[in-house]
PDB file of N, CA and C in Angstrom:
ATOM      1  N   MET A   1     -11.892-113.496 -37.328  1.00  0.00           N
ATOM      2  CA  MET A   1     -11.577-113.678 -36.030  1.00  0.00           C
ATOM      3  C   MET A   1     -10.014-113.647 -35.806  1.00  0.00           C
ATOM      4  N   TYR A   2      -9.729-113.128 -34.767  1.00  0.00           N
ATOM      5  CA  TYR A   2      -8.295-113.101 -34.442  1.00  0.00           C
ATOM      6  C   TYR A   2      -8.057-113.945 -33.129  1.00  0.00           C
ATOM      7  N   ALA A   3      -6.926-114.659 -33.108  1.00  0.00           N
ATOM      8  CA  ALA A   3      -6.592-115.441 -31.992  1.00  0.00           C
ATOM      9  C   ALA A   3      -6.045-114.478 -30.856  1.00  0.00           C
ATOM     10  N   ARG A   4      -6.716-114.381 -29.742  1.00  0.00           N
ATOM     11  CA  ARG A   4      -6.284-113.432 -28.739  1.00  0.00           C
ATOM     12  C   ARG A   4      -6.112-114.233 -27.434  1.00  0.00           C
ATOM     13  N   ASP A   5      -5.208-113.666 -26.587  1.00  0.00           N
ATOM     14  CA  ASP A   5      -4.898-114.309 -25.403  1.00  0.00           C
ATOM     15  C   ASP A   5      -5.713-113.747 -24.180  1.00  0.00           C
ATOM     16  N   ASP A   6      -6.481-112.654 -24.492  1.00  0.00           N
ATOM     17  CA  ASP A   6      -7.256-112.095 -23.308  1.00  0.00           C
ATOM     18  C   ASP A   6      -8.410-112.915 -23.000  1.00  0.00           C
ATOM     19  N   GLY A   7      -8.943-112.642 -21.804  1.00  0.00           N
ATOM     20  CA  GLY A   7     -10.064-113.464 -21.219  1.00  0.00           C
ATOM     21  C   GLY A   7     -11.231-113.710 -22.161  1.00  0.00           C
ATOM     22  N   ALA A   8     -11.698-112.592 -22.999  1.00  0.00           N
ATOM     23  CA  ALA A   8     -12.796-112.585 -23.723  1.00  0.00           C
ATOM     24  C   ALA A   8     -12.616-113.709 -24.852  1.00  0.00           C
ATOM     25  N   GLY A   9     -11.425-113.901 -25.307  1.00  0.00           N
ATOM     26  CA  GLY A   9     -11.182-114.995 -26.350  1.00  0.00           C
ATOM     27  C   GLY A   9     -10.668-116.317 -25.786  1.00  0.00           C
ATOM     28  N   ALA A  10     -10.902-116.539 -24.507  1.00  0.00           N
ATOM     29  CA  ALA A  10     -10.407-117.885 -23.970  1.00  0.00           C
ATOM     30  C   ALA A  10     -11.204-118.959 -24.326  1.00  0.00           C
ATOM     31  N   GLU A  11     -12.427-118.619 -24.681  1.00  0.00           N
ATOM     32  CA  GLU A  11     -13.460-119.635 -24.965  1.00  0.00           C
ATOM     33  C   GLU A  11     -13.131-120.243 -26.343  1.00  0.00           C
ATOM     34  N   MET A  12     -12.547-119.549 -27.138  1.00  0.00           N
ATOM     35  CA  MET A  12     -12.164-119.846 -28.524  1.00  0.00           C
ATOM     36  C   MET A  12     -11.172-121.029 -28.451  1.00  0.00           C
ATOM     37  N   TRP A  13     -10.221-120.951 -27.553  1.00  0.00           N
ATOM     38  CA  TRP A  13      -9.203-121.923 -27.444  1.00  0.00           C
ATOM     39  C   TRP A  13      -9.718-123.302 -27.001  1.00  0.00           C
ATOM     40  N   GLN A  14     -10.869-123.322 -26.407  1.00  0.00           N
ATOM     41  CA  GLN A  14     -11.485-124.574 -25.997  1.00  0.00           C
ATOM     42  C   GLN A  14     -12.253-125.477 -27.271  1.00  0.00           C
ATOM     43  N   ARG A  15     -12.354-124.817 -28.335  1.00  0.00           N
ATOM     44  CA  ARG A  15     -12.942-125.493 -29.503  1.00  0.00           C
ATOM     45  C   ARG A  15     -11.815-125.680 -30.641  1.00  0.00           C
ATOM     46  N   LEU A  16     -11.703-126.875 -30.971  1.00  0.00           N
ATOM     47  CA  LEU A  16     -10.718-127.284 -32.079  1.00  0.00           C
ATOM     48  C   LEU A  16     -10.991-126.738 -33.347  1.00  0.00           C
ATOM     49  N   PRO A  17     -10.143-126.180 -34.089  1.00  0.00           N
ATOM     50  CA  PRO A  17     -10.486-125.864 -35.435  1.00  0.00           C
ATOM     51  C   PRO A  17     -10.644-126.981 -36.296  1.00  0.00           C
ATOM     52  N   ASP A  18     -11.406-126.757 -37.551  1.00  0.00           N
ATOM     53  CA  ASP A  18     -11.503-127.900 -38.472  1.00  0.00           C
ATOM     54  C   ASP A  18     -10.288-128.434 -38.771  1.00  0.00           C
ATOM     55  N   ARG A  19     -10.257-129.773 -38.993  1.00  0.00           N
ATOM     56  CA  ARG A  19      -8.922-130.639 -39.409  1.00  0.00           C
ATOM     57  C   ARG A  19      -8.270-129.979 -40.581  1.00  0.00           C
ATOM     58  N   SER A  20      -9.110-129.515 -41.670  1.00  0.00           N
ATOM     59  CA  SER A  20      -8.364-128.905 -42.862  1.00  0.00           C
ATOM     60  C   SER A  20      -7.618-127.630 -42.495  1.00  0.00           C
ATOM     61  N   LEU A  21      -8.185-126.927 -41.606  1.00  0.00           N
ATOM     62  CA  LEU A  21      -7.457-125.687 -41.192  1.00  0.00           C
ATOM     63  C   LEU A  21      -6.064-125.949 -40.397  1.00  0.00           C
ATOM     64  N   THR A  22      -6.274-126.973 -39.572  1.00  0.00           N
ATOM     65  CA  THR A  22      -5.060-127.207 -38.824  1.00  0.00           C
ATOM     66  C   THR A  22      -4.002-127.884 -39.739  1.00  0.00           C
ATOM     67  N   GLU A  23      -4.408-128.650 -40.735  1.00  0.00           N
ATOM     68  CA  GLU A  23      -3.429-129.250 -41.694  1.00  0.00           C
ATOM     69  C   GLU A  23      -2.870-128.079 -42.501  1.00  0.00           C
ATOM     70  N   ALA A  24      -3.622-127.225 -42.911  1.00  0.00           N
ATOM     71  CA  ALA A  24      -3.250-126.233 -43.749  1.00  0.00           C
ATOM     72  C   ALA A  24      -2.252-125.170 -42.943  1.00  0.00           C
ATOM     73  N   ALA A  25      -2.549-125.045 -41.647  1.00  0.00           N
ATOM     74  CA  ALA A  25      -1.651-124.129 -40.799  1.00  0.00           C
ATOM     75  C   ALA A  25      -0.253-124.934 -40.513  1.00  0.00           C
ATOM     76  N   ALA A  26      -0.395-126.160 -40.309  1.00  0.00           N
ATOM     77  CA  ALA A  26       0.901-127.021 -40.122  1.00  0.00           C
ATOM     78  C   ALA A  26       1.772-126.966 -41.295  1.00  0.00           C
ATOM     79  N   GLU A  27       1.102-127.046 -42.526  1.00  0.00           N
ATOM     80  CA  GLU A  27       2.043-126.907 -43.736  1.00  0.00           C
ATOM     81  C   GLU A  27       2.642-125.501 -43.667  1.00  0.00           C
ATOM     82  N   SER A  28       1.976-124.509 -43.360  1.00  0.00           N
ATOM     83  CA  SER A  28       2.719-123.216 -43.392  1.00  0.00           C
ATOM     84  C   SER A  28       3.728-123.210 -42.446  1.00  0.00           C
ATOM     85  N   PHE A  29       3.601-123.753 -41.166  1.00  0.00           N
ATOM     86  CA  PHE A  29       4.572-123.748 -40.190  1.00  0.00           C
ATOM     87  C   PHE A  29       5.779-124.595 -40.785  1.00  0.00           C
ATOM     88  N   ARG A  30       5.616-125.724 -41.449  1.00  0.00           N
ATOM     89  CA  ARG A  30       6.710-126.374 -42.090  1.00  0.00           C
ATOM     90  C   ARG A  30       7.400-125.594 -42.974  1.00  0.00           C
ATOM     91  N   MET A  31       6.709-124.721 -43.807  1.00  0.00           N
ATOM     92  CA  MET A  31       7.439-123.796 -44.796  1.00  0.00           C
ATOM     93  C   MET A  31       8.341-122.760 -43.852  1.00  0.00           C
ATOM     94  N   LEU A  32       7.839-122.412 -42.695  1.00  0.00           N
ATOM     95  CA  LEU A  32       8.591-121.455 -41.851  1.00  0.00           C
ATOM     96  C   LEU A  32       9.770-122.077 -41.144  1.00  0.00           C
ATOM     97  N   ALA A  33       9.969-123.305 -41.203  1.00  0.00           N
ATOM     98  CA  ALA A  33      10.965-124.079 -40.494  1.00  0.00           C
ATOM     99  C   ALA A  33      12.229-124.073 -41.080  1.00  0.00           C
ATOM    100  N   ASP A  34      12.447-123.406 -42.263  1.00  0.00           N
ATOM    101  CA  ASP A  34      13.860-123.158 -42.778  1.00  0.00           C
ATOM    102  C   ASP A  34      14.201-121.770 -42.676  1.00  0.00           C
ATOM    103  N   PRO A  35      15.447-121.459 -42.065  1.00  0.00           N
ATOM    104  CA  PRO A  35      15.935-120.184 -41.948  1.00  0.00           C
ATOM    105  C   PRO A  35      15.985-119.321 -43.207  1.00  0.00           C
ATOM    106  N   THR A  36      16.325-119.891 -44.350  1.00  0.00           N
ATOM    107  CA  THR A  36      16.417-119.123 -45.478  1.00  0.00           C
ATOM    108  C   THR A  36      14.949-118.528 -46.030  1.00  0.00           C
ATOM    109  N   ARG A  37      13.994-119.494 -45.902  1.00  0.00           N
ATOM    110  CA  ARG A  37      12.572-119.174 -46.201  1.00  0.00           C
ATOM    111  C   ARG A  37      12.281-118.063 -45.115  1.00  0.00           C
ATOM    112  N   LEU A  38      12.639-118.120 -44.033  1.00  0.00           N
ATOM    113  CA  LEU A  38      12.228-117.114 -43.010  1.00  0.00           C
ATOM    114  C   LEU A  38      12.776-115.721 -43.411  1.00  0.00           C
ATOM    115  N   ARG A  39      13.958-115.706 -43.885  1.00  0.00           N
ATOM    116  CA  ARG A  39      14.681-114.430 -44.230  1.00  0.00           C
ATOM    117  C   ARG A  39      14.022-113.887 -45.653  1.00  0.00           C
ATOM    118  N   ILE A  40      13.759-114.768 -46.587  1.00  0.00           N
ATOM    119  CA  ILE A  40      13.090-114.441 -47.679  1.00  0.00           C
ATOM    120  C   ILE A  40      11.724-113.814 -47.392  1.00  0.00           C
ATOM    121  N   LEU A  41      10.912-114.449 -46.479  1.00  0.00           N
ATOM    122  CA  LEU A  41       9.538-114.027 -46.151  1.00  0.00           C
ATOM    123  C   LEU A  41       9.685-112.609 -45.512  1.00  0.00           C
ATOM    124  N   TRP A  42      10.564-112.513 -44.555  1.00  0.00           N
ATOM    125  CA  TRP A  42      10.706-111.399 -43.825  1.00  0.00           C
ATOM    126  C   TRP A  42      10.996-110.216 -44.736  1.00  0.00           C
ATOM    127  N   LEU A  43      11.842-110.249 -45.902  1.00  0.00           N
ATOM    128  CA  LEU A  43      12.003-109.309 -46.759  1.00  0.00           C
ATOM    129  C   LEU A  43      10.695-109.004 -47.532  1.00  0.00           C
ATOM    130  N   LEU A  44      10.020-110.063 -47.752  1.00  0.00           N
ATOM    131  CA  LEU A  44       8.750-109.829 -48.559  1.00  0.00           C
ATOM    132  C   LEU A  44       7.555-109.413 -47.773  1.00  0.00           C
ATOM    133  N   CYS A  45       7.763-109.239 -46.496  1.00  0.00           N
ATOM    134  CA  CYS A  45       6.747-108.619 -45.640  1.00  0.00           C
ATOM    135  C   CYS A  45       6.789-107.159 -45.824  1.00  0.00           C
ATOM    136  N   GLY A  46       8.038-106.626 -46.276  1.00  0.00           N
ATOM    137  CA  GLY A  46       8.136-105.180 -46.417  1.00  0.00           C
ATOM    138  C   GLY A  46       8.139-104.582 -47.815  1.00  0.00           C
ATOM    139  N   ALA A  47       8.346-105.388 -48.758  1.00  0.00           N
ATOM    140  CA  ALA A  47       8.487-104.832 -50.135  1.00  0.00           C
ATOM    141  C   ALA A  47       8.258-106.031 -51.164  1.00  0.00           C
ATOM    142  N   GLU A  48       8.243-105.659 -52.431  1.00  0.00           N
ATOM    143  CA  GLU A  48       8.130-106.591 -53.484  1.00  0.00           C
ATOM    144  C   GLU A  48       9.613-106.854 -54.012  1.00  0.00           C
ATOM    145  N   TYR A  49       9.985-108.249 -54.264  1.00  0.00           N
ATOM    146  CA  TYR A  49      11.207-108.433 -54.784  1.00  0.00           C
ATOM    147  C   TYR A  49      11.255-109.364 -55.861  1.00  0.00           C
ATOM    148  N   ASP A  50      12.240-109.416 -56.931  1.00  0.00           N
ATOM    149  CA  ASP A  50      12.389-110.456 -57.796  1.00  0.00           C
ATOM    150  C   ASP A  50      13.414-111.582 -57.272  1.00  0.00           C
ATOM    151  N   VAL A  51      13.436-112.588 -57.861  1.00  0.00           N
ATOM    152  CA  VAL A  51      14.364-113.726 -57.294  1.00  0.00           C
ATOM    153  C   VAL A  51      15.838-113.263 -57.350  1.00  0.00           C
ATOM    154  N   GLY A  52      16.318-112.654 -58.314  1.00  0.00           N
ATOM    155  CA  GLY A  52      17.703-112.104 -58.252  1.00  0.00           C
ATOM    156  C   GLY A  52      17.929-111.294 -57.007  1.00  0.00           C
ATOM    157  N   THR A  53      17.048-110.210 -56.796  1.00  0.00           N
ATOM    158  CA  THR A  53      17.221-109.381 -55.667  1.00  0.00           C
ATOM    159  C   THR A  53      17.197-110.170 -54.187  1.00  0.00           C
ATOM    160  N   LEU A  54      16.113-111.144 -54.183  1.00  0.00           N
ATOM    161  CA  LEU A  54      16.146-111.895 -53.039  1.00  0.00           C
ATOM    162  C   LEU A  54      17.367-112.815 -52.753  1.00  0.00           C
ATOM    163  N   ALA A  55      17.957-113.458 -53.856  1.00  0.00           N
ATOM    164  CA  ALA A  55      19.034-114.146 -53.860  1.00  0.00           C
ATOM    165  C   ALA A  55      20.229-113.286 -53.263  1.00  0.00           C
ATOM    166  N   GLU A  56      20.437-112.124 -53.892  1.00  0.00           N
ATOM    167  CA  GLU A  56      21.444-111.297 -53.391  1.00  0.00           C
ATOM    168  C   GLU A  56      21.364-110.932 -51.962  1.00  0.00           C
ATOM    169  N   ARG A  57      20.177-110.328 -51.544  1.00  0.00           N
ATOM    170  CA  ARG A  57      19.865-109.949 -50.187  1.00  0.00           C
ATOM    171  C   ARG A  57      19.959-111.078 -49.061  1.00  0.00           C
ATOM    172  N   THR A  58      19.599-112.303 -49.448  1.00  0.00           N
ATOM    173  CA  THR A  58      19.829-113.388 -48.456  1.00  0.00           C
ATOM    174  C   THR A  58      21.007-114.278 -48.715  1.00  0.00           C
ATOM    175  N   ASP A  59      21.879-113.764 -49.574  1.00  0.00           N
ATOM    176  CA  ASP A  59      23.130-114.664 -49.793  1.00  0.00           C
ATOM    177  C   ASP A  59      22.806-116.039 -50.147  1.00  0.00           C
ATOM    178  N   ALA A  60      21.808-116.332 -50.959  1.00  0.00           N
ATOM    179  CA  ALA A  60      21.521-117.625 -51.381  1.00  0.00           C
ATOM    180  C   ALA A  60      21.435-117.696 -52.761  1.00  0.00           C
ATOM    181  N   ALA A  61      21.634-118.959 -53.371  1.00  0.00           N
ATOM    182  CA  ALA A  61      21.657-119.194 -54.835  1.00  0.00           C
ATOM    183  C   ALA A  61      20.487-118.968 -55.449  1.00  0.00           C
ATOM    184  N   ARG A  62      20.281-118.347 -56.681  1.00  0.00           N
ATOM    185  CA  ARG A  62      18.998-118.169 -57.295  1.00  0.00           C
ATOM    186  C   ARG A  62      18.167-119.368 -57.513  1.00  0.00           C
ATOM    187  N   PRO A  63      18.754-120.596 -57.867  1.00  0.00           N
ATOM    188  CA  PRO A  63      17.898-121.683 -57.940  1.00  0.00           C
ATOM    189  C   PRO A  63      17.101-122.117 -56.545  1.00  0.00           C
ATOM    190  N   ALA A  64      18.010-121.992 -55.397  1.00  0.00           N
ATOM    191  CA  ALA A  64      17.497-122.307 -54.159  1.00  0.00           C
ATOM    192  C   ALA A  64      16.373-121.262 -53.817  1.00  0.00           C
ATOM    193  N   VAL A  65      16.507-120.046 -54.178  1.00  0.00           N
ATOM    194  CA  VAL A  65      15.460-119.034 -53.806  1.00  0.00           C
ATOM    195  C   VAL A  65      14.246-119.297 -54.625  1.00  0.00           C
ATOM    196  N   SER A  66      14.381-119.632 -55.849  1.00  0.00           N
ATOM    197  CA  SER A  66      13.269-119.964 -56.760  1.00  0.00           C
ATOM    198  C   SER A  66      12.519-121.079 -56.020  1.00  0.00           C
ATOM    199  N   GLN A  67      13.196-122.093 -55.588  1.00  0.00           N
ATOM    200  CA  GLN A  67      12.537-123.331 -54.978  1.00  0.00           C
ATOM    201  C   GLN A  67      11.836-122.896 -53.762  1.00  0.00           C
ATOM    202  N   HIS A  68      12.467-122.085 -52.842  1.00  0.00           N
ATOM    203  CA  HIS A  68      11.779-121.531 -51.744  1.00  0.00           C
ATOM    204  C   HIS A  68      10.603-120.789 -51.931  1.00  0.00           C
ATOM    205  N   LEU A  69      10.554-119.883 -53.040  1.00  0.00           N
ATOM    206  CA  LEU A  69       9.418-119.094 -53.256  1.00  0.00           C
ATOM    207  C   LEU A  69       8.333-119.944 -53.838  1.00  0.00           C
ATOM    208  N   ALA A  70       8.608-120.992 -54.585  1.00  0.00           N
ATOM    209  CA  ALA A  70       7.624-121.997 -55.121  1.00  0.00           C
ATOM    210  C   ALA A  70       6.895-122.631 -53.854  1.00  0.00           C
ATOM    211  N   LYS A  71       7.644-122.930 -53.007  1.00  0.00           N
ATOM    212  CA  LYS A  71       6.961-123.782 -51.764  1.00  0.00           C
ATOM    213  C   LYS A  71       6.147-122.626 -50.945  1.00  0.00           C
ATOM    214  N   LEU A  72       6.713-121.474 -50.856  1.00  0.00           N
ATOM    215  CA  LEU A  72       5.886-120.340 -50.075  1.00  0.00           C
ATOM    216  C   LEU A  72       4.693-120.029 -50.726  1.00  0.00           C
ATOM    217  N   ARG A  73       4.744-120.028 -52.089  1.00  0.00           N
ATOM    218  CA  ARG A  73       3.540-119.740 -53.006  1.00  0.00           C
ATOM    219  C   ARG A  73       2.480-120.841 -52.844  1.00  0.00           C
ATOM    220  N   MET A  74       2.912-122.005 -52.761  1.00  0.00           N
ATOM    221  CA  MET A  74       2.216-123.243 -52.680  1.00  0.00           C
ATOM    222  C   MET A  74       1.294-123.424 -51.383  1.00  0.00           C
ATOM    223  N   THR A  75       1.886-122.860 -50.381  1.00  0.00           N
ATOM    224  CA  THR A  75       1.202-122.842 -49.146  1.00  0.00           C
ATOM    225  C   THR A  75       0.451-121.574 -48.859  1.00  0.00           C
ATOM    226  N   GLY A  76       0.464-120.595 -49.938  1.00  0.00           N
ATOM    227  CA  GLY A  76      -0.206-119.364 -49.636  1.00  0.00           C
ATOM    228  C   GLY A  76       0.347-118.296 -48.874  1.00  0.00           C
ATOM    229  N   LEU A  77       1.699-118.470 -48.606  1.00  0.00           N
ATOM    230  CA  LEU A  77       2.318-117.416 -47.775  1.00  0.00           C
ATOM    231  C   LEU A  77       2.855-116.247 -48.614  1.00  0.00           C
ATOM    232  N   VAL A  78       2.929-116.530 -49.881  1.00  0.00           N
ATOM    233  CA  VAL A  78       3.594-115.538 -50.790  1.00  0.00           C
ATOM    234  C   VAL A  78       2.643-115.487 -52.092  1.00  0.00           C
ATOM    235  N   ARG A  79       2.521-114.262 -52.594  1.00  0.00           N
ATOM    236  CA  ARG A  79       1.840-114.003 -53.914  1.00  0.00           C
ATOM    237  C   ARG A  79       2.811-113.522 -54.867  1.00  0.00           C
ATOM    238  N   SER A  80       2.498-113.626 -56.237  1.00  0.00           N
ATOM    239  CA  SER A  80       3.411-113.201 -57.113  1.00  0.00           C
ATOM    240  C   SER A  80       2.626-112.263 -58.255  1.00  0.00           C
ATOM    241  N   ARG A  81       3.424-111.418 -58.960  1.00  0.00           N
ATOM    242  CA  ARG A  81       2.768-110.905 -60.105  1.00  0.00           C
ATOM    243  C   ARG A  81       3.818-110.745 -61.218  1.00  0.00           C
ATOM    244  N   ARG A  82       3.494-110.932 -62.463  1.00  0.00           N
ATOM    245  CA  ARG A  82       4.419-110.781 -63.510  1.00  0.00           C
ATOM    246  C   ARG A  82       4.513-109.287 -64.118  1.00  0.00           C
ATOM    247  N   GLU A  83       5.598-108.944 -64.389  1.00  0.00           N
ATOM    248  CA  GLU A  83       5.853-107.610 -65.098  1.00  0.00           C
ATOM    249  C   GLU A  83       6.789-107.856 -66.129  1.00  0.00           C
ATOM    250  N   GLY A  84       6.283-107.863 -67.421  1.00  0.00           N
ATOM    251  CA  GLY A  84       7.214-108.273 -68.450  1.00  0.00           C
ATOM    252  C   GLY A  84       7.768-109.757 -68.314  1.00  0.00           C
ATOM    253  N   ARG A  85       9.012-109.839 -68.334  1.00  0.00           N
ATOM    254  CA  ARG A  85       9.857-111.090 -68.133  1.00  0.00           C
ATOM    255  C   ARG A  85      10.144-111.417 -66.730  1.00  0.00           C
ATOM    256  N   ARG A  86       9.787-110.398 -65.833  1.00  0.00           N
ATOM    257  CA  ARG A  86      10.040-110.487 -64.413  1.00  0.00           C
ATOM    258  C   ARG A  86       8.924-111.010 -63.555  1.00  0.00           C
ATOM    259  N   VAL A  87       9.139-111.677 -62.463  1.00  0.00           N
ATOM    260  CA  VAL A  87       8.139-111.962 -61.488  1.00  0.00           C
ATOM    261  C   VAL A  87       8.474-111.357 -60.189  1.00  0.00           C
ATOM    262  N   TYR A  88       7.573-110.812 -59.683  1.00  0.00           N
ATOM    263  CA  TYR A  88       7.725-109.983 -58.348  1.00  0.00           C
ATOM    264  C   TYR A  88       6.970-110.777 -57.202  1.00  0.00           C
ATOM    265  N   TYR A  89       7.542-111.023 -56.018  1.00  0.00           N
ATOM    266  CA  TYR A  89       6.933-111.623 -54.942  1.00  0.00           C
ATOM    267  C   TYR A  89       6.701-110.716 -53.795  1.00  0.00           C
ATOM    268  N   ARG A  90       5.701-110.994 -53.007  1.00  0.00           N
ATOM    269  CA  ARG A  90       5.436-110.216 -51.865  1.00  0.00           C
ATOM    270  C   ARG A  90       4.610-111.193 -50.813  1.00  0.00           C
ATOM    271  N   ALA A  91       4.798-110.867 -49.566  1.00  0.00           N
ATOM    272  CA  ALA A  91       4.149-111.733 -48.508  1.00  0.00           C
ATOM    273  C   ALA A  91       2.600-111.477 -48.728  1.00  0.00           C
ATOM    274  N   ARG A  92       1.871-112.470 -48.390  1.00  0.00           N
ATOM    275  CA  ARG A  92       0.349-112.441 -48.699  1.00  0.00           C
ATOM    276  C   ARG A  92      -0.377-111.803 -47.391  1.00  0.00           C
ATOM    277  N   GLY A  93      -0.180-110.532 -47.212  1.00  0.00           N
ATOM    278  CA  GLY A  93      -1.154-109.846 -46.447  1.00  0.00           C
ATOM    279  C   GLY A  93      -0.689-109.726 -44.916  1.00  0.00           C
ATOM    280  N   GLY A  94      -1.509-109.158 -44.094  1.00  0.00           N
ATOM    281  CA  GLY A  94      -1.225-108.794 -42.670  1.00  0.00           C
ATOM    282  C   GLY A  94      -1.071-110.020 -41.910  1.00  0.00           C
ATOM    283  N   HIS A  95      -1.894-111.097 -42.129  1.00  0.00           N
ATOM    284  CA  HIS A  95      -1.782-112.368 -41.258  1.00  0.00           C
ATOM    285  C   HIS A  95      -0.324-112.948 -41.371  1.00  0.00           C
ATOM    286  N   VAL A  96       0.229-112.887 -42.518  1.00  0.00           N
ATOM    287  CA  VAL A  96       1.487-113.393 -42.608  1.00  0.00           C
ATOM    288  C   VAL A  96       2.523-112.644 -41.932  1.00  0.00           C
ATOM    289  N   ARG A  97       2.456-111.202 -42.204  1.00  0.00           N
ATOM    290  CA  ARG A  97       3.322-110.273 -41.561  1.00  0.00           C
ATOM    291  C   ARG A  97       3.276-110.463 -39.990  1.00  0.00           C
ATOM    292  N   ARG A  98       2.053-110.653 -39.407  1.00  0.00           N
ATOM    293  CA  ARG A  98       1.765-110.675 -37.967  1.00  0.00           C
ATOM    294  C   ARG A  98       2.469-112.088 -37.584  1.00  0.00           C
ATOM    295  N   LEU A  99       2.162-113.207 -38.191  1.00  0.00           N
ATOM    296  CA  LEU A  99       2.585-114.500 -37.851  1.00  0.00           C
ATOM    297  C   LEU A  99       4.091-114.401 -37.792  1.00  0.00           C
ATOM    298  N   LEU A 100       4.747-113.835 -38.877  1.00  0.00           N
ATOM    299  CA  LEU A 100       6.302-113.862 -38.810  1.00  0.00           C
ATOM    300  C   LEU A 100       6.874-112.918 -37.782  1.00  0.00           C
ATOM    301  N   GLY A 101       6.207-111.897 -37.661  1.00  0.00           N
ATOM    302  CA  GLY A 101       6.568-110.849 -36.637  1.00  0.00           C
ATOM    303  C   GLY A 101       6.522-111.557 -35.257  1.00  0.00           C
ATOM    304  N   GLU A 102       5.435-112.280 -34.848  1.00  0.00           N
ATOM    305  CA  GLU A 102       5.308-112.904 -33.565  1.00  0.00           C
ATOM    306  C   GLU A 102       6.286-113.937 -33.448  1.00  0.00           C
ATOM    307  N   ALA A 103       6.644-114.815 -34.508  1.00  0.00           N
ATOM    308  CA  ALA A 103       7.678-115.651 -34.378  1.00  0.00           C
ATOM    309  C   ALA A 103       9.002-115.165 -34.045  1.00  0.00           C
ATOM    310  N   ILE A 104       9.478-114.007 -34.787  1.00  0.00           N
ATOM    311  CA  ILE A 104      10.626-113.349 -34.524  1.00  0.00           C
ATOM    312  C   ILE A 104      10.740-112.783 -33.124  1.00  0.00           C
ATOM    313  N   GLU A 105       9.622-112.163 -32.681  1.00  0.00           N
ATOM    314  CA  GLU A 105       9.594-111.632 -31.200  1.00  0.00           C
ATOM    315  C   GLU A 105       9.704-112.740 -30.249  1.00  0.00           C
ATOM    316  N   ALA A 106       8.954-113.804 -30.487  1.00  0.00           N
ATOM    317  CA  ALA A 106       9.158-114.974 -29.511  1.00  0.00           C
ATOM    318  C   ALA A 106      10.610-115.481 -29.406  1.00  0.00           C
ATOM    319  N   ALA A 107      11.233-115.564 -30.568  1.00  0.00           N
ATOM    320  CA  ALA A 107      12.712-115.916 -30.618  1.00  0.00           C
ATOM    321  C   ALA A 107      13.481-114.947 -29.703  1.00  0.00           C
ATOM    322  N   THR A 108      13.257-113.651 -30.154  1.00  0.00           N
ATOM    323  CA  THR A 108      14.075-112.705 -29.501  1.00  0.00           C
ATOM    324  C   THR A 108      13.847-112.764 -27.943  1.00  0.00           C
ATOM    325  N   HIS A 109      12.545-112.980 -27.386  1.00  0.00           N
ATOM    326  CA  HIS A 109      12.367-113.110 -25.911  1.00  0.00           C
ATOM    327  C   HIS A 109      13.113-114.390 -25.334  1.00  0.00           C
ATOM    328  N   HIS A 110      12.964-115.503 -26.293  1.00  0.00           N
ATOM    329  CA  HIS A 110      13.629-116.676 -25.823  1.00  0.00           C
ATOM    330  C   HIS A 110      15.180-116.529 -25.783  1.00  0.00           C
ATOM    331  N   LEU A 111      15.761-115.905 -26.637  1.00  0.00           N
ATOM    332  CA  LEU A 111      17.365-115.986 -26.732  1.00  0.00           C
ATOM    333  C   LEU A 111      17.713-114.950 -25.849  1.00  0.00           C
ATOM    334  N   SER A 112      16.997-113.868 -25.579  1.00  0.00           N
ATOM    335  CA  SER A 112      17.603-112.661 -24.673  1.00  0.00           C
ATOM    336  C   SER A 112      16.932-112.830 -23.175  1.00  0.00           C
ATOM    337  N   GLY A 113      16.197-113.942 -22.981  1.00  0.00           N
ATOM    338  CA  GLY A 113      15.707-114.097 -21.710  1.00  0.00           C
ATOM    339  C   GLY A 113      14.718-113.132 -21.046  1.00  0.00           C
ATOM    340  N   LEU A 114      14.081-112.261 -22.053  1.00  0.00           N
ATOM    341  CA  LEU A 114      12.995-111.397 -21.756  1.00  0.00           C
ATOM    342  C   LEU A 114      11.687-112.149 -21.327  1.00  0.00           C
ATOM    343  N   PRO A 115      11.003-111.774 -20.277  1.00  0.00           N
ATOM    344  CA  PRO A 115       9.646-112.427 -19.896  1.00  0.00           C
ATOM    345  C   PRO A 115       8.697-112.354 -20.957  1.00  0.00           C
ATOM    346  N   ASP A 116       7.851-113.389 -20.891  1.00  0.00           N
ATOM    347  CA  ASP A 116       6.760-113.435 -21.835  1.00  0.00           C
ATOM    348  C   ASP A 116       5.675-112.392 -21.543  1.00  0.00           C
ATOM    349  N   HIS A 117       4.919-112.060 -22.658  1.00  0.00           N
ATOM    350  CA  HIS A 117       3.784-111.146 -22.419  1.00  0.00           C
ATOM    351  C   HIS A 117       2.651-112.008 -21.978  1.00  0.00           C
ATOM    352  N   ASP A 118       1.810-111.445 -21.111  1.00  0.00           N
ATOM    353  CA  ASP A 118       0.556-112.110 -20.525  1.00  0.00           C
ATOM    354  C   ASP A 118      -0.612-111.447 -21.338  1.00  0.00           C
TER     355      ASP A 118
END
């Protein structure tokens, strides 16, 4: 089920989701409240990266990137795979990409004064 703003889905917004779902979603939003984590996740939406490359691309210290990745993994926003001694990270699917894309789009509209979509 997708959250839609159209009239057909309006009824969905009248029923509260289960408490465990709202708590998990809130934890994900807490993870997205850090600009460095947002930049890391943005990169991971497009490709797989290791810690060193993410640190270089985001201009953040390797230990900080490792901590951010651990938090993103803990909340299910990022997945990892090991190849030899390296661990590669990637955003966890289309829901995460759409969530991040919508957040950036909303910020773009807010900062530029563009009207909201109905």
